[in-house]
Amino acid sequence: MHRGLESKWAGHASHAVLWTKQSFEDDVKIEYEYTRLDSSLAVAVNILYIQATGSGEGPFEADIRRWADQRTVPAMRMYFDHMHTYAISYAAFGKAKDHPDNDYIRARRYLPEASGLDGTALEPLYTRTGLFKTGVPHRITVIKRGRTLTMDIRGPNKTLLCRWENTVLPPITEGRIGLRHMATRGARYRDFRISTPCGGDLRSRP
């Protein structure tokens, strides 16, 4: 997915979310190359959704494609209010016109039909990573194994391994993989690959 440089904020309709057609069960490994193309410091993020399903209440069926028409405008609240999923935000900033070094990486376990984002954050929060400079490719590998999430980020001058343990909130066991690309963010994604367990190891499906 590629959005243009410095795309403008024009309401929630200016965001984009791309989902896999396939749903994945149990452990997963997600690999791709991410290159940031913008230099925006707006309060907007890139998000990787890991194994998303609907809350199962009302029209929000477990199969999220069955209520895709309700996400024609991909407002964030439709996701954290009505989906079970892990969500990792990265190349993100906490406030408008922030310093370019004040980025953060945060993982959440959404709790649908509850109280928004309250209580969804997984510790720790990674800040001032020194990663995701404009025009610099980074290889990202995310593994969800049981209740553990890891995110390995490799750039030409720095690597970072992030790790989160979901010790309290309900586990995530199946669902689709998604990429959210918010307005003001321009990026290039390449070589996207998802692997699932085979004989106890995470291996790519044919």
Protein backbone atom coordinates (compact mmCIF):
# COMPACT_ATOMS: atom_id res chain seq x y z
CA MET A 1 0.00 0.00 0.00
CA HIS A 2 1.34 3.43 -0.92
CA ARG A 3 -0.18 6.78 -0.05
CA GLY A 4 1.19 9.99 -1.49
CA LEU A 5 3.65 12.29 0.23
CA GLU A 6 2.14 14.55 2.89
CA SER A 7 -1.46 13.53 2.17
CA LYS A 8 -3.90 15.94 3.77
CA TRP A 9 -6.21 15.31 6.69
CA ALA A 10 -9.73 15.49 5.29
CA GLY A 11 -11.66 13.73 8.03
CA HIS A 12 -11.73 10.00 8.73
CA ALA A 13 -12.36 9.22 5.07
CA SER A 14 -8.76 10.24 4.32
CA HIS A 15 -7.39 7.12 6.07
CA ALA A 16 -7.02 3.68 4.50
CA VAL A 17 -7.08 0.11 5.83
CA LEU A 18 -6.10 -2.93 3.79
CA TRP A 19 -7.05 -6.46 4.98
CA THR A 20 -5.90 -9.93 4.00
CA LYS A 21 -8.53 -12.07 2.32
CA GLN A 22 -7.47 -15.00 4.46
CA SER A 23 -8.04 -15.42 8.19
CA PHE A 24 -5.16 -16.88 10.23
CA GLU A 25 -5.34 -19.07 13.33
CA ASP A 26 -2.96 -19.63 16.26
CA ASP A 27 0.58 -18.25 15.95
CA VAL A 28 1.61 -16.01 13.05
CA LYS A 29 4.71 -14.31 11.68
CA ILE A 30 4.31 -11.16 9.58
CA GLU A 31 7.21 -9.77 7.55
CA TYR A 32 7.48 -6.75 5.29
CA GLU A 33 9.66 -3.84 4.25
CA TYR A 34 8.42 -0.42 5.35
CA THR A 35 9.81 2.86 4.01
CA ARG A 36 8.46 6.10 5.36
CA LEU A 37 8.03 8.71 2.62
CA ASP A 38 6.51 11.60 4.58
CA SER A 39 8.05 13.99 7.09
CA SER A 40 4.80 14.84 8.87
CA LEU A 41 4.67 15.26 12.65
CA ALA A 42 0.88 15.20 12.80
CA VAL A 43 -0.93 13.06 15.34
CA ALA A 44 -1.49 10.10 13.02
CA VAL A 45 0.00 6.63 12.94
CA ASN A 46 0.68 3.49 10.98
CA ILE A 47 -0.98 0.44 12.54
CA LEU A 48 -0.52 -3.28 12.03
CA TYR A 49 -3.67 -5.19 13.03
CA ILE A 50 -3.00 -8.79 14.04
CA GLN A 51 -5.81 -11.36 13.77
CA ALA A 52 -8.90 -9.13 13.84
CA THR A 53 -12.42 -10.43 14.41
CA GLY A 54 -15.66 -8.64 15.18
CA SER A 55 -17.03 -8.40 18.70
CA GLY A 56 -19.95 -10.68 17.83
CA GLU A 57 -22.47 -8.20 19.22
CA GLY A 58 -25.21 -6.73 17.05
CA PRO A 59 -24.14 -6.35 13.42
CA PHE A 60 -20.43 -6.73 14.27
CA GLU A 61 -20.04 -10.39 13.34
CA ALA A 62 -16.82 -12.27 13.95
CA ASP A 63 -16.11 -12.24 10.20
CA ILE A 64 -15.27 -8.56 9.72
CA ARG A 65 -15.89 -8.65 5.98
CA ARG A 66 -19.62 -9.13 6.74
CA TRP A 67 -19.81 -5.57 8.05
CA ALA A 68 -17.25 -3.93 5.79
CA ASP A 69 -19.97 -1.54 4.59
CA GLN A 70 -19.95 0.04 8.04
CA ARG A 71 -16.26 0.85 7.59
CA THR A 72 -16.57 2.66 4.26
CA VAL A 73 -15.27 5.60 6.26
CA PRO A 74 -12.49 3.91 8.28
CA ALA A 75 -12.87 5.89 11.52
CA MET A 76 -10.67 4.52 14.29
CA ARG A 77 -13.62 4.04 16.66
CA MET A 78 -15.17 1.41 14.35
CA TYR A 79 -12.08 -0.71 14.96
CA PHE A 80 -11.29 -0.33 18.66
CA ASP A 81 -14.99 -0.25 19.60
CA HIS A 82 -16.01 -3.36 17.66
CA MET A 83 -12.99 -5.61 17.02
CA HIS A 84 -10.90 -8.13 18.91
CA THR A 85 -7.35 -7.64 17.65
CA TYR A 86 -3.80 -6.77 18.57
CA ALA A 87 -2.79 -3.38 17.16
CA ILE A 88 0.79 -2.09 16.91
CA SER A 89 1.22 1.63 16.21
CA TYR A 90 4.61 2.79 14.95
CA ALA A 91 6.29 5.77 13.28
CA ALA A 92 3.84 7.64 15.51
CA PHE A 93 3.89 10.92 17.41
CA GLY A 94 2.08 11.91 20.58
CA LYS A 95 1.16 15.47 19.73
CA ALA A 96 0.94 17.80 16.75
CA LYS A 97 4.18 19.47 15.66
CA ASP A 98 6.22 17.18 17.90
CA HIS A 99 9.99 16.87 17.61
CA PRO A 100 10.96 14.36 14.88
CA ASP A 101 12.86 12.27 17.45
CA ASN A 102 9.83 11.89 19.75
CA ASP A 103 8.33 8.89 17.99
CA TYR A 104 6.80 5.90 19.76
CA ILE A 105 5.82 2.27 19.23
CA ARG A 106 2.81 1.00 21.18
CA ALA A 107 0.92 -2.31 21.27
CA ARG A 108 -2.73 -2.69 22.26
CA ARG A 109 -5.27 -5.45 22.69
CA TYR A 110 -8.58 -3.89 21.70
CA LEU A 111 -11.53 -4.55 24.02
CA PRO A 112 -14.65 -4.11 21.88
CA GLU A 113 -17.98 -2.86 23.23
CA ALA A 114 -16.15 -1.55 26.31
CA SER A 115 -14.68 1.90 26.98
CA GLY A 116 -12.72 2.85 23.90
CA LEU A 117 -8.96 2.54 24.27
CA ASP A 118 -8.99 2.55 28.08
CA GLY A 119 -7.19 -0.48 29.45
CA THR A 120 -6.02 -1.75 26.06
CA ALA A 121 -2.31 -0.81 26.15
CA LEU A 122 0.34 -3.50 26.57
CA GLU A 123 3.58 -2.57 28.30
CA PRO A 124 6.16 -1.35 27.59
CA LEU A 125 5.82 1.79 25.46
CA TYR A 126 8.90 2.31 23.26
CA THR A 127 9.84 5.97 22.72
CA ARG A 128 12.53 7.94 20.87
CA THR A 129 13.50 4.87 18.86
CA GLY A 130 15.71 6.61 16.30
CA LEU A 131 14.00 4.58 13.57
CA PHE A 132 11.76 5.30 10.60
CA LYS A 133 13.58 8.27 9.11
CA THR A 134 12.13 9.50 5.83
CA GLY A 135 13.27 7.47 2.83
CA VAL A 136 15.03 4.77 4.87
CA PRO A 137 13.83 1.16 4.33
CA HIS A 138 13.23 -0.92 7.46
CA ARG A 139 12.62 -4.66 7.56
CA ILE A 140 9.86 -5.47 10.05
CA THR A 141 9.16 -8.93 11.48
CA VAL A 142 6.26 -9.35 13.90
CA ILE A 143 5.60 -12.67 15.64
CA LYS A 144 2.54 -13.49 17.72
CA ARG A 145 3.18 -16.66 19.67
CA GLY A 146 0.59 -17.47 22.30
CA ARG A 147 0.23 -14.35 24.46
CA THR A 148 3.58 -12.88 23.39
CA LEU A 149 4.14 -10.27 20.69
CA THR A 150 7.56 -9.38 19.30
CA MET A 151 8.44 -6.78 16.70
CA ASP A 152 11.93 -6.92 15.21
CA ILE A 153 12.83 -3.76 13.26
CA ARG A 154 16.01 -3.61 11.21
CA GLY A 155 17.28 -0.47 9.53
CA PRO A 156 20.66 0.19 7.93
CA ASN A 157 22.07 1.83 11.08
CA LYS A 158 19.95 0.52 13.95
CA THR A 159 17.87 -2.47 15.02
CA LEU A 160 15.27 -2.72 17.77
CA LEU A 161 13.46 -5.70 19.26
CA CYS A 162 10.15 -4.85 20.94
CA ARG A 163 8.39 -7.39 23.15
CA TRP A 164 4.98 -7.36 24.84
CA GLU A 165 3.30 -9.95 27.08
CA ASN A 166 -0.49 -10.09 27.31
CA THR A 167 -0.80 -11.49 30.82
CA VAL A 168 -4.26 -10.19 31.77
CA LEU A 169 -6.47 -9.51 28.76
CA PRO A 170 -8.20 -12.25 26.73
CA PRO A 171 -5.94 -13.92 24.13
CA ILE A 172 -6.21 -13.35 20.39
CA THR A 173 -6.40 -16.63 18.49
CA GLU A 174 -7.60 -15.98 14.94
CA GLY A 175 -8.53 -13.35 12.39
CA ARG A 176 -7.37 -11.23 9.49
CA ILE A 177 -4.19 -9.18 9.22
CA GLY A 178 -4.58 -5.49 8.38
CA LEU A 179 -2.55 -2.38 7.61
CA ARG A 180 -3.90 1.03 8.64
CA HIS A 181 -2.34 3.98 6.90
CA MET A 182 -3.60 7.28 8.32
CA ALA A 183 -3.79 10.61 6.55
CA THR A 184 -0.59 12.71 6.51
CA ARG A 185 1.41 9.47 6.31
CA GLY A 186 3.16 8.49 3.09
CA ALA A 187 4.87 5.09 2.92
CA ARG A 188 5.93 2.24 0.69
CA TYR A 189 5.30 -1.39 1.69
CA ARG A 190 7.11 -4.26 -0.03
CA ASP A 191 7.54 -8.05 0.23
CA PHE A 192 4.60 -8.62 2.57
CA ARG A 193 4.61 -12.20 3.85
CA ILE A 194 2.60 -14.11 6.49
CA SER A 195 3.72 -17.44 7.95
CA THR A 196 1.86 -19.92 10.15
CA PRO A 197 2.96 -22.94 12.24
CA CYS A 198 4.02 -26.12 10.47
CA GLY A 199 5.38 -28.95 12.60
CA GLY A 200 5.82 -26.61 15.55
CA ASP A 201 7.77 -23.96 13.63
CA LEU A 202 6.55 -20.78 11.97
CA ARG A 203 6.86 -21.45 8.25
CA SER A 204 5.36 -19.80 5.22
CA ARG A 205 2.30 -21.40 3.73
CA PRO A 206 2.64 -22.46 0.07
